[in-house]
Amino acid sequence: MDVKKRIRDYIEDAILFGNRKSFSDSSSFQTSGILDSTGFLELITFIEEEFDIEITNEELVPEYLDSLEKMSNLIGKKRARQKPEKA
């Protein structure tokens, strides 16, 4: 599953209501106006449910969540930690 594509599709469909606003993987959600505070909350809820991870309060910062690239990296790291170790 392509994490970036899944997040982009969600943003376009559920937050931008089908408006296919062009943004790159590194576009800042804040400075580009793609997401407002409500949109961020909706997206965090989606990510936690879709990828079966928990975003901690410490991770609710632009360093981890302000672009598709940053979100994808965070999700990848969290999912890698969840994989059971092989015996």
Protein backbone atom coordinates (compact mmCIF):
# COMPACT_ATOMS: atom_id res chain seq x y z
CA MET A 1 0.00 0.00 0.00
CA ASP A 2 1.37 3.42 -0.94
CA VAL A 3 1.06 5.45 2.26
CA LYS A 4 1.50 8.83 0.58
CA LYS A 5 -1.16 8.04 -2.03
CA ARG A 6 -3.62 6.85 0.62
CA ILE A 7 -3.12 10.04 2.69
CA ARG A 8 -3.33 12.27 -0.41
CA ASP A 9 -6.56 10.56 -1.50
CA TYR A 10 -8.04 11.04 1.96
CA ILE A 11 -7.10 14.73 2.06
CA GLU A 12 -8.54 15.35 -1.39
CA ASP A 13 -11.75 13.40 -0.81
CA ALA A 14 -12.61 14.01 2.84
CA ILE A 15 -11.03 17.37 3.60
CA LEU A 16 -10.88 19.18 0.27
CA PHE A 17 -14.18 17.57 -0.80
CA GLY A 18 -12.94 16.28 -4.16
CA ASN A 19 -10.99 19.41 -5.06
CA ARG A 20 -7.82 17.94 -6.52
CA LYS A 21 -5.60 20.76 -5.25
CA SER A 22 -2.08 20.24 -6.50
CA PHE A 23 0.53 19.77 -3.80
CA SER A 24 3.84 17.95 -3.69
CA ASP A 25 4.94 15.36 -1.15
CA SER A 26 7.01 18.05 0.59
CA SER A 27 4.40 20.86 0.51
CA SER A 28 3.73 22.25 3.97
CA PHE A 29 0.12 21.66 4.94
CA GLN A 30 0.21 24.77 7.15
CA THR A 31 1.80 27.35 4.88
CA SER A 32 0.03 26.15 1.75
CA GLY A 33 -3.38 26.27 3.44
CA ILE A 34 -4.16 22.65 2.61
CA LEU A 35 -5.21 21.83 6.18
CA ASP A 36 -6.62 23.90 9.00
CA SER A 37 -6.72 22.78 12.64
CA THR A 38 -9.92 20.79 12.13
CA GLY A 39 -8.45 19.15 9.02
CA PHE A 40 -5.36 18.11 10.99
CA LEU A 41 -7.52 16.49 13.67
CA GLU A 42 -9.53 14.62 11.04
CA LEU A 43 -6.35 13.49 9.32
CA ILE A 44 -4.74 12.29 12.55
CA THR A 45 -7.84 10.24 13.36
CA PHE A 46 -7.79 8.76 9.85
CA ILE A 47 -4.08 7.89 10.05
CA GLU A 48 -4.42 6.20 13.43
CA GLU A 49 -7.33 4.08 12.22
CA GLU A 50 -6.07 3.38 8.70
CA PHE A 51 -2.53 2.41 9.65
CA ASP A 52 -3.26 1.01 13.13
CA ILE A 53 -0.84 3.35 14.91
CA GLU A 54 -1.08 5.90 17.70
CA ILE A 55 0.17 9.44 17.24
CA THR A 56 1.46 10.69 20.60
CA ASN A 57 1.07 14.24 21.89
CA GLU A 58 4.81 14.72 21.38
CA GLU A 59 4.40 13.85 17.69
CA LEU A 60 1.63 16.40 17.10
CA VAL A 61 4.13 18.91 15.73
CA PRO A 62 5.01 20.11 12.21
CA GLU A 63 8.32 18.23 12.39
CA TYR A 64 6.35 14.99 11.97
CA LEU A 65 3.06 15.99 10.38
CA ASP A 66 3.40 19.03 8.12
CA SER A 67 3.68 17.25 4.77
CA LEU A 68 2.94 13.95 3.06
CA GLU A 69 6.63 13.11 3.21
CA LYS A 70 6.89 13.75 6.96
CA MET A 71 3.69 11.83 7.72
CA SER A 72 4.77 8.91 5.57
CA ASN A 73 8.15 8.75 7.35
CA LEU A 74 6.50 8.80 10.77
CA ILE A 75 4.01 6.08 9.80
CA GLY A 76 6.80 3.93 8.35
CA LYS A 77 8.85 4.19 11.55
CA LYS A 78 5.89 3.43 13.80
CA ARG A 79 4.78 0.45 11.73
CA ALA A 80 8.33 -0.94 11.65
CA ARG A 81 8.41 -0.87 15.46
CA GLN A 82 5.12 -2.80 15.60
CA LYS A 83 6.33 -5.75 13.52
CA PRO A 84 6.93 -8.82 15.67
CA GLU A 85 10.52 -9.93 15.84
CA LYS A 86 11.34 -13.24 14.18
CA ALA A 87 12.48 -16.04 16.45
